[in-house]
C-alpha atoms as a PDB file:
ATOM      1  CA  MET A   1      54.285   2.614  26.710  1.00  0.00           C
ATOM      2  CA  ILE A   2      51.070   1.102  25.057  1.00  0.00           C
ATOM      3  CA  LEU A   3      50.436  -2.445  26.087  1.00  0.00           C
ATOM      4  CA  GLU A   4      47.174  -2.895  24.563  1.00  0.00           C
ATOM      5  CA  TYR A   5      45.066  -1.185  21.576  1.00  0.00           C
ATOM      6  CA  ASN A   6      41.555  -1.389  21.655  1.00  0.00           C
ATOM      7  CA  ARG A   7      38.791   0.270  19.193  1.00  0.00           C
ATOM      8  CA  PRO A   8      35.324  -0.669  20.436  1.00  0.00           C
ATOM      9  CA  VAL A   9      32.247  -0.089  18.295  1.00  0.00           C
ATOM     10  CA  THR A  10      29.786   0.554  21.387  1.00  0.00           C
ATOM     11  CA  LEU A  11      30.218   2.977  24.268  1.00  0.00           C
ATOM     12  CA  GLU A  12      29.170   0.060  26.546  1.00  0.00           C
ATOM     13  CA  ALA A  13      32.231  -1.890  25.370  1.00  0.00           C
ATOM     14  CA  ALA A  14      34.360   1.123  25.714  1.00  0.00           C
ATOM     15  CA  LEU A  15      33.297   1.836  29.521  1.00  0.00           C
ATOM     16  CA  ALA A  16      33.849  -1.944  30.080  1.00  0.00           C
ATOM     17  CA  LEU A  17      37.443  -1.615  29.194  1.00  0.00           C
ATOM     18  CA  LEU A  18      38.040   1.649  30.983  1.00  0.00           C
ATOM     19  CA  ALA A  19      36.423   0.288  34.249  1.00  0.00           C
ATOM     20  CA  ARG A  20      39.266  -2.548  34.502  1.00  0.00           C
ATOM     21  CA  PRO A  21      41.456  -2.152  37.316  1.00  0.00           C
ATOM     22  CA  GLU A  22      44.383  -3.603  35.574  1.00  0.00           C
ATOM     23  CA  PRO A  23      46.004  -2.573  33.124  1.00  0.00           C
ATOM     24  CA  VAL A  24      45.645   1.252  33.530  1.00  0.00           C
ATOM     25  CA  THR A  25      43.475   1.993  30.661  1.00  0.00           C
ATOM     26  CA  LEU A  26      43.173   5.542  29.132  1.00  0.00           C
ATOM     27  CA  PRO A  27      40.637   6.772  26.334  1.00  0.00           C
ATOM     28  CA  LEU A  28      42.192   7.936  23.004  1.00  0.00           C
ATOM     29  CA  ALA A  29      40.206  10.554  21.058  1.00  0.00           C
ATOM     30  CA  GLY A  30      42.533  13.032  19.352  1.00  0.00           C
ATOM     31  CA  GLY A  31      45.752  11.599  20.816  1.00  0.00           C
ATOM     32  CA  THR A  32      47.370  15.056  21.000  1.00  0.00           C
ATOM     33  CA  THR A  33      47.981  14.946  24.677  1.00  0.00           C
ATOM     34  CA  LEU A  34      48.366  11.171  25.035  1.00  0.00           C
ATOM     35  CA  ALA A  35      52.309  10.971  24.766  1.00  0.00           C
ATOM     36  CA  SER A  36      52.690  12.873  28.076  1.00  0.00           C
ATOM     37  CA  ALA A  37      50.367  10.354  29.805  1.00  0.00           C
ATOM     38  CA  THR A  38      52.110   7.038  28.506  1.00  0.00           C
ATOM     39  CA  ARG A  39      55.375   6.769  30.088  1.00  0.00           C
ATOM     40  CA  GLU A  40      53.982   3.911  32.251  1.00  0.00           C
ATOM     41  CA  PRO A  41      52.568   0.730  30.654  1.00  0.00           C
ATOM     42  CA  VAL A  42      49.035   1.426  29.668  1.00  0.00           C
ATOM     43  CA  ALA A  43      46.048   0.052  27.559  1.00  0.00           C
ATOM     44  CA  ILE A  44      44.347   2.449  24.998  1.00  0.00           C
ATOM     45  CA  VAL A  45      40.631   2.670  23.984  1.00  0.00           C
ATOM     46  CA  ASP A  46      40.128   4.655  20.749  1.00  0.00           C
ATOM     47  CA  LEU A  47      36.889   6.214  20.779  1.00  0.00           C
ATOM     48  CA  GLN A  48      36.629   6.917  17.098  1.00  0.00           C
ATOM     49  CA  GLY A  49      34.380   4.097  16.339  1.00  0.00           C
ATOM     50  CA  LEU A  50      31.592   5.321  18.787  1.00  0.00           C
ATOM     51  CA  GLY A  51      29.864   7.942  16.722  1.00  0.00           C
ATOM     52  CA  LEU A  52      30.728  10.892  19.378  1.00  0.00           C
ATOM     53  CA  ASP A  53      31.791  13.526  16.885  1.00  0.00           C
ATOM     54  CA  THR A  54      28.215  15.037  16.685  1.00  0.00           C
ATOM     55  CA  PHE A  55      27.068  18.598  16.445  1.00  0.00           C
ATOM     56  CA  GLN A  56      23.311  19.389  16.937  1.00  0.00           C
ATOM     57  CA  ALA A  57      21.543  22.631  17.513  1.00  0.00           C
ATOM     58  CA  GLN A  58      18.180  21.805  19.136  1.00  0.00           C
ATOM     59  CA  GLY A  59      15.923  24.264  20.883  1.00  0.00           C
ATOM     60  CA  ASN A  60      18.160  26.624  23.089  1.00  0.00           C
ATOM     61  CA  SER A  61      21.014  24.218  23.297  1.00  0.00           C
ATOM     62  CA  LEU A  62      24.130  23.279  21.164  1.00  0.00           C
ATOM     63  CA  TYR A  63      25.135  19.692  21.819  1.00  0.00           C
ATOM     64  CA  LEU A  64      28.783  18.620  21.011  1.00  0.00           C
ATOM     65  CA  GLY A  65      30.008  15.114  20.811  1.00  0.00           C
ATOM     66  CA  ALA A  66      33.105  14.489  22.935  1.00  0.00           C
ATOM     67  CA  THR A  67      35.198  13.544  20.036  1.00  0.00           C
ATOM     68  CA  LEU A  68      34.234  16.362  17.558  1.00  0.00           C
ATOM     69  CA  THR A  69      37.698  17.760  16.589  1.00  0.00           C
ATOM     70  CA  LEU A  70      38.431  21.493  17.072  1.00  0.00           C
ATOM     71  CA  ASN A  71      38.249  21.943  13.521  1.00  0.00           C
ATOM     72  CA  GLY A  72      35.196  20.061  13.059  1.00  0.00           C
ATOM     73  CA  LEU A  73      33.539  22.508  15.455  1.00  0.00           C
ATOM     74  CA  LEU A  74      35.163  25.605  13.766  1.00  0.00           C
ATOM     75  CA  ASP A  75      33.648  24.545  10.438  1.00  0.00           C
ATOM     76  CA  ARG A  76      30.294  23.538  11.647  1.00  0.00           C
ATOM     77  CA  LEU A  77      29.878  26.926  13.707  1.00  0.00           C
ATOM     78  CA  HIS A  78      29.249  28.507  10.414  1.00  0.00           C
ATOM     79  CA  GLY A  79      26.044  26.393   9.803  1.00  0.00           C
ATOM     80  CA  LEU A  80      24.498  27.612  12.874  1.00  0.00           C
ATOM     81  CA  GLY A  81      22.992  30.642  10.991  1.00  0.00           C
ATOM     82  CA  ASP A  82      20.969  33.286  13.228  1.00  0.00           C
ATOM     83  CA  ALA A  83      20.018  30.831  15.959  1.00  0.00           C
ATOM     84  CA  GLY A  84      23.540  30.720  17.242  1.00  0.00           C
ATOM     85  CA  ALA A  85      24.909  33.938  15.815  1.00  0.00           C
ATOM     86  CA  GLY A  86      26.105  35.509  19.146  1.00  0.00           C
ATOM     87  CA  LEU A  87      28.198  32.429  19.703  1.00  0.00           C
ATOM     88  CA  ILE A  88      29.932  32.117  16.568  1.00  0.00           C
ATOM     89  CA  GLU A  89      32.663  35.131  16.534  1.00  0.00           C
ATOM     90  CA  GLY A  90      33.713  34.385  20.205  1.00  0.00           C
ATOM     91  CA  LEU A  91      33.993  30.519  19.913  1.00  0.00           C
ATOM     92  CA  GLN A  92      35.876  30.858  16.616  1.00  0.00           C
ATOM     93  CA  LYS A  93      38.520  33.326  17.994  1.00  0.00           C
ATOM     94  CA  ALA A  94      38.952  30.990  21.068  1.00  0.00           C
ATOM     95  CA  ILE A  95      39.377  27.844  18.867  1.00  0.00           C
ATOM     96  CA  THR A  96      42.022  29.461  16.514  1.00  0.00           C
ATOM     97  CA  HIS A  97      43.825  30.637  19.493  1.00  0.00           C
ATOM     98  CA  GLU A  98      43.858  27.438  21.374  1.00  0.00           C
ATOM     99  CA  ALA A  99      45.730  25.459  18.763  1.00  0.00           C
ATOM    100  CA  THR A 100      47.429  25.514  15.251  1.00  0.00           C
ATOM    101  CA  TYR A 101      45.775  24.097  12.333  1.00  0.00           C
ATOM    102  CA  ASN A 102      47.336  20.665  12.540  1.00  0.00           C
ATOM    103  CA  LEU A 103      46.602  20.145  16.107  1.00  0.00           C
ATOM    104  CA  ARG A 104      42.965  21.571  15.319  1.00  0.00           C
ATOM    105  CA  MET A 105      42.545  18.575  12.811  1.00  0.00           C
ATOM    106  CA  ALA A 106      43.242  15.942  15.625  1.00  0.00           C
ATOM    107  CA  ALA A 107      42.275  17.386  18.997  1.00  0.00           C
ATOM    108  CA  SER A 108      38.931  16.638  20.337  1.00  0.00           C
ATOM    109  CA  VAL A 109      36.694  19.108  22.178  1.00  0.00           C
ATOM    110  CA  ALA A 110      36.478  17.050  25.400  1.00  0.00           C
ATOM    111  CA  GLY A 111      40.176  15.904  25.355  1.00  0.00           C
ATOM    112  CA  THR A 112      41.119  19.599  25.182  1.00  0.00           C
ATOM    113  CA  LEU A 113      38.919  20.155  28.268  1.00  0.00           C
ATOM    114  CA  VAL A 114      40.335  17.220  29.962  1.00  0.00           C
ATOM    115  CA  ALA A 115      44.085  18.126  29.427  1.00  0.00           C
ATOM    116  CA  SER A 116      43.722  21.925  29.586  1.00  0.00           C
ATOM    117  CA  GLY A 117      45.692  24.029  32.008  1.00  0.00           C
ATOM    118  CA  GLY A 118      44.828  27.688  32.960  1.00  0.00           C
ATOM    119  CA  ARG A 119      46.184  29.197  29.674  1.00  0.00           C
ATOM    120  CA  SER A 120      43.355  27.395  27.616  1.00  0.00           C
ATOM    121  CA  PRO A 121      41.507  29.799  25.377  1.00  0.00           C
ATOM    122  CA  LEU A 122      38.643  27.387  24.436  1.00  0.00           C
ATOM    123  CA  THR A 123      38.310  26.209  28.055  1.00  0.00           C
ATOM    124  CA  THR A 124      38.199  29.707  29.247  1.00  0.00           C
ATOM    125  CA  ALA A 125      35.392  30.409  26.839  1.00  0.00           C
ATOM    126  CA  LEU A 126      33.392  27.297  27.590  1.00  0.00           C
ATOM    127  CA  LEU A 127      33.506  28.176  31.200  1.00  0.00           C
ATOM    128  CA  ALA A 128      31.935  31.476  30.740  1.00  0.00           C
ATOM    129  CA  LEU A 129      29.160  29.855  28.832  1.00  0.00           C
ATOM    130  CA  ASP A 130      28.399  27.656  31.789  1.00  0.00           C
ATOM    131  CA  THR A 131      29.028  24.684  29.652  1.00  0.00           C
ATOM    132  CA  ALA A 132      27.404  21.259  30.952  1.00  0.00           C
ATOM    133  CA  LEU A 133      29.140  17.736  30.198  1.00  0.00           C
ATOM    134  CA  LEU A 134      27.587  14.485  30.110  1.00  0.00           C
ATOM    135  CA  ILE A 135      29.669  11.725  31.957  1.00  0.00           C
ATOM    136  CA  GLN A 136      29.228   8.032  31.533  1.00  0.00           C
ATOM    137  CA  PRO A 137      28.567   5.794  33.140  1.00  0.00           C
ATOM    138  CA  GLY A 138      25.462   7.030  35.084  1.00  0.00           C
ATOM    139  CA  ASP A 139      24.396   9.576  32.910  1.00  0.00           C
ATOM    140  CA  GLU A 140      25.906  12.296  35.108  1.00  0.00           C
ATOM    141  CA  GLN A 141      25.474  16.051  33.947  1.00  0.00           C
ATOM    142  CA  VAL A 142      27.999  18.413  35.519  1.00  0.00           C
ATOM    143  CA  GLY A 143      29.013  21.893  34.840  1.00  0.00           C
ATOM    144  CA  LEU A 144      32.296  22.464  33.424  1.00  0.00           C
ATOM    145  CA  GLY A 145      33.483  24.732  36.524  1.00  0.00           C
ATOM    146  CA  ASP A 146      32.706  22.137  39.033  1.00  0.00           C
ATOM    147  CA  LEU A 147      34.467  19.471  37.130  1.00  0.00           C
ATOM    148  CA  LEU A 148      37.861  21.329  36.357  1.00  0.00           C
ATOM    149  CA  PRO A 149      39.171  21.227  39.765  1.00  0.00           C
ATOM    150  CA  ARG A 150      38.247  17.698  40.325  1.00  0.00           C
ATOM    151  CA  ARG A 151      39.402  16.057  37.032  1.00  0.00           C
ATOM    152  CA  THR A 152      41.629  13.821  38.641  1.00  0.00           C
ATOM    153  CA  GLU A 153      39.187  12.361  41.013  1.00  0.00           C
ATOM    154  CA  ARG A 154      35.972  12.347  38.780  1.00  0.00           C
ATOM    155  CA  LEU A 155      37.085  11.070  35.248  1.00  0.00           C
ATOM    156  CA  PRO A 156      39.259   7.760  35.751  1.00  0.00           C
ATOM    157  CA  HIS A 157      37.360   4.823  34.362  1.00  0.00           C
ATOM    158  CA  ARG A 158      34.542   7.438  32.832  1.00  0.00           C
ATOM    159  CA  LEU A 159      34.165   9.275  29.826  1.00  0.00           C
ATOM    160  CA  ILE A 160      32.693  12.549  28.725  1.00  0.00           C
ATOM    161  CA  THR A 161      30.295  11.785  26.020  1.00  0.00           C
ATOM    162  CA  ARG A 162      28.674  15.256  25.339  1.00  0.00           C
ATOM    163  CA  LEU A 163      28.907  19.000  25.761  1.00  0.00           C
ATOM    164  CA  THR A 164      25.887  21.314  26.132  1.00  0.00           C
ATOM    165  CA  LEU A 165      26.327  25.094  25.345  1.00  0.00           C
ATOM    166  CA  PRO A 166      23.575  27.580  25.649  1.00  0.00           C
ATOM    167  CA  LEU A 167      22.516  28.688  21.907  1.00  0.00           C
ATOM    168  CA  SER A 168      20.993  31.717  22.720  1.00  0.00           C
ATOM    169  CA  ALA A 169      23.979  33.176  24.813  1.00  0.00           C
ATOM    170  CA  ARG A 170      26.367  35.603  23.040  1.00  0.00           C
ATOM    171  CA  LEU A 171      30.095  35.423  23.657  1.00  0.00           C
ATOM    172  CA  ALA A 172      33.184  37.429  23.195  1.00  0.00           C
ATOM    173  CA  TYR A 173      36.741  36.644  23.803  1.00  0.00           C
ATOM    174  CA  GLU A 174      39.694  38.709  24.103  1.00  0.00           C
ATOM    175  CA  TYR A 175      43.401  38.219  25.159  1.00  0.00           C
ATOM    176  CA  VAL A 176      46.925  39.429  25.742  1.00  0.00           C
ATOM    177  CA  ALA A 177      50.004  37.395  24.659  1.00  0.00           C
ATOM    178  CA  ARG A 178      53.627  37.978  23.782  1.00  0.00           C
ATOM    179  CA  SER A 179      52.494  37.126  20.125  1.00  0.00           C
ATOM    180  CA  PRO A 180      49.302  36.397  18.515  1.00  0.00           C
ATOM    181  CA  ALA A 181      50.279  32.832  18.420  1.00  0.00           C
ATOM    182  CA  ASP A 182      51.292  32.425  21.857  1.00  0.00           C
ATOM    183  CA  ARG A 183      49.405  31.125  24.754  1.00  0.00           C
ATOM    184  CA  PRO A 184      47.581  33.810  26.711  1.00  0.00           C
ATOM    185  CA  ILE A 185      49.327  35.727  29.547  1.00  0.00           C
ATOM    186  CA  VAL A 186      45.805  36.872  30.267  1.00  0.00           C
ATOM    187  CA  CYS A 187      42.464  36.038  28.244  1.00  0.00           C
ATOM    188  CA  ALA A 188      38.854  36.710  29.045  1.00  0.00           C
ATOM    189  CA  ALA A 189      35.701  35.507  28.090  1.00  0.00           C
ATOM    190  CA  VAL A 190      32.334  37.074  28.642  1.00  0.00           C
ATOM    191  CA  ALA A 191      28.797  35.320  27.978  1.00  0.00           C
ATOM    192  CA  ILE A 192      25.446  37.254  28.268  1.00  0.00           C
ATOM    193  CA  TRP A 193      22.103  35.412  28.028  1.00  0.00           C
ATOM    194  CA  PRO A 194      18.830  36.978  26.708  1.00  0.00           C
ATOM    195  CA  SER A 195      17.635  36.970  30.412  1.00  0.00           C
ATOM    196  CA  GLY A 196      20.514  39.364  31.205  1.00  0.00           C
ATOM    197  CA  ARG A 197      22.619  36.943  33.002  1.00  0.00           C
ATOM    198  CA  VAL A 198      26.420  37.709  32.559  1.00  0.00           C
ATOM    199  CA  ARG A 199      29.293  35.376  33.375  1.00  0.00           C
ATOM    200  CA  ALA A 200      32.949  36.241  32.945  1.00  0.00           C
ATOM    201  CA  ALA A 201      35.806  33.669  32.930  1.00  0.00           C
ATOM    202  CA  LEU A 202      39.707  34.440  33.014  1.00  0.00           C
ATOM    203  CA  GLY A 203      42.383  32.294  31.733  1.00  0.00           C
ATOM    204  CA  GLY A 204      46.216  32.535  31.533  1.00  0.00           C
ATOM    205  CA  TYR A 205      47.352  31.474  34.917  1.00  0.00           C
ATOM    206  CA  GLY A 206      47.191  28.315  37.323  1.00  0.00           C
ATOM    207  CA  ALA A 207      45.990  24.896  36.653  1.00  0.00           C
ATOM    208  CA  GLY A 208      42.506  26.022  35.427  1.00  0.00           C
ATOM    209  CA  PRO A 209      40.734  29.129  34.045  1.00  0.00           C
ATOM    210  CA  ARG A 210      38.753  31.102  36.750  1.00  0.00           C
ATOM    211  CA  LEU A 211      35.110  32.095  36.829  1.00  0.00           C
ATOM    212  CA  ALA A 212      35.424  35.730  37.891  1.00  0.00           C
ATOM    213  CA  PHE A 213      31.640  36.849  37.769  1.00  0.00           C
ATOM    214  CA  ASP A 214      28.062  35.240  37.495  1.00  0.00           C
ATOM    215  CA  GLY A 215      25.367  37.816  37.866  1.00  0.00           C
ATOM    216  CA  THR A 216      21.973  38.931  36.654  1.00  0.00           C
ATOM    217  CA  GLU A 217      23.548  42.119  35.200  1.00  0.00           C
ATOM    218  CA  ALA A 218      27.160  43.354  34.365  1.00  0.00           C
ATOM    219  CA  ASN A 219      27.518  46.097  37.371  1.00  0.00           C
ATOM    220  CA  GLY A 220      30.880  45.334  39.019  1.00  0.00           C
ATOM    221  CA  ILE A 221      32.210  42.852  36.489  1.00  0.00           C
ATOM    222  CA  GLY A 222      35.453  44.855  35.865  1.00  0.00           C
ATOM    223  CA  ILE A 223      36.123  44.917  39.779  1.00  0.00           C
ATOM    224  CA  ALA A 224      35.326  41.152  40.060  1.00  0.00           C
ATOM    225  CA  ALA A 225      37.786  40.230  37.167  1.00  0.00           C
ATOM    226  CA  GLU A 226      40.583  42.590  38.830  1.00  0.00           C
ATOM    227  CA  SER A 227      40.027  40.926  42.291  1.00  0.00           C
ATOM    228  CA  ALA A 228      40.227  37.296  40.723  1.00  0.00           C
ATOM    229  CA  TYR A 229      43.707  37.793  39.353  1.00  0.00           C
ATOM    230  CA  SER A 230      44.874  39.994  42.058  1.00  0.00           C
ATOM    231  CA  HIS A 231      47.423  37.369  43.274  1.00  0.00           C
ATOM    232  CA  CYS A 232      48.203  35.706  40.119  1.00  0.00           C
ATOM    233  CA  GLY A 233      51.903  36.228  39.420  1.00  0.00           C
ATOM    234  CA  ASP A 234      54.274  33.901  37.776  1.00  0.00           C
ATOM    235  CA  GLU A 235      57.093  33.667  35.583  1.00  0.00           C
ATOM    236  CA  TRP A 236      54.994  35.037  32.680  1.00  0.00           C
ATOM    237  CA  ALA A 237      53.695  38.140  34.291  1.00  0.00           C
ATOM    238  CA  SER A 238      53.160  40.014  37.733  1.00  0.00           C
ATOM    239  CA  ALA A 239      50.074  39.752  39.701  1.00  0.00           C
ATOM    240  CA  ASP A 240      49.547  43.664  39.546  1.00  0.00           C
ATOM    241  CA  TYR A 241      49.737  43.251  35.488  1.00  0.00           C
ATOM    242  CA  ARG A 242      47.182  40.393  35.315  1.00  0.00           C
ATOM    243  CA  ARG A 243      44.805  42.053  37.736  1.00  0.00           C
ATOM    244  CA  GLU A 244      45.117  45.329  35.574  1.00  0.00           C
ATOM    245  CA  ILE A 245      44.613  43.535  32.199  1.00  0.00           C
ATOM    246  CA  ALA A 246      41.992  41.167  33.320  1.00  0.00           C
ATOM    247  CA  GLY A 247      39.807  44.251  33.966  1.00  0.00           C
ATOM    248  CA  VAL A 248      40.738  45.843  30.801  1.00  0.00           C
ATOM    249  CA  LEU A 249      39.965  42.566  28.737  1.00  0.00           C
ATOM    250  CA  VAL A 250      36.503  42.131  30.387  1.00  0.00           C
ATOM    251  CA  GLU A 251      35.540  45.756  29.605  1.00  0.00           C
ATOM    252  CA  ARG A 252      36.808  45.016  25.946  1.00  0.00           C
ATOM    253  CA  CYS A 253      34.591  41.967  25.837  1.00  0.00           C
ATOM    254  CA  LEU A 254      31.673  44.075  27.168  1.00  0.00           C
ATOM    255  CA  GLN A 255      32.085  46.576  24.378  1.00  0.00           C
ATOM    256  CA  ILE A 256      32.184  43.837  21.777  1.00  0.00           C
ATOM    257  CA  LEU A 257      28.757  42.649  23.172  1.00  0.00           C
ATOM    258  CA  ASP A 258      27.384  46.210  23.560  1.00  0.00           C
ATOM    259  CA  VAL A 259      26.860  45.769  27.163  1.00  0.00           C
ATOM    260  CA  SER A 260      27.323  48.602  29.813  1.00  0.00           C
ATOM    261  CA  SER A 261      29.033  47.686  33.249  1.00  0.00           C
ATOM    262  CA  SER A 262      27.610  50.613  35.003  1.00  0.00           C
END
C-alpha cells in the first residue's frame, strides 16, 4: 500500500526522503517491479524529475543514467557509430531478451539490475562488461559484480545514479531457453577489451548472474564456464545440462567475437 507519493526535482531532495527512518521509502523509476515490494505500507519517491535518463559516450566510457529506460537505451545504441560498434549487437540482443516491448518502455536500467535474479540477460551482459555503478550519497563507485550479492544491505536509503560501461570493449551474448521469448535456462555473455582482457558471465540460475572468467586471454574460458555451473541444477535444468551448455555458449560467444580459446 502506498502511503505517500513524492516527486522531487533535485537529487538532494530525493536522497533526503529516502534517508528517513519512517515511513519505509522506496525509489520509483519505471515501476515494473514495485508491486511486489508494496505489500507493506510504503512511501514512494518518483525519480522521473531528476534528469537521470542520460546517455553519453565520452572517451573510452559509455555513461548511462539510472532511469534511462531499456527501450531508450536500445534506441540510442544505434547512435554510437564506430566508437561503440563492438557493444551494439550484444547489448541489443540482451536487452530484447530481457523484457517485452511494453516492459522495455517503462523499465529502467538501474531498476532492472536492482530487481534482477540469476536469469536476467541484461544483468549478465553488464556483468561481463565489468560495469561500474555510481551510488549516492557519497559518490561511491562500485563494480556490478561486487554489488549484486549485497544489494539488500548496500542499497536501502541510497540510489544508483549512473552506470559506466567500457566503450572500447566488444560483447557477445548467447542463450538457450524453452522458447525464444522465455527467460534463459542458461545464458552467456563474453566481453573482450583491446588489451586482450576477457570476461565471461553466466546467467540462468540462482539469485544473480555469475562471473565465470576474468583473464588476460581466453585460454581455459570454456572449462571455467563449465566449472562455474557444475552444481547448478533446479526445476528448469539439471546441473549436468547447465555445465555442458555453459561451455558451449561461451565458445559460441568467442566465435562471434572471432577469438580463439586455445
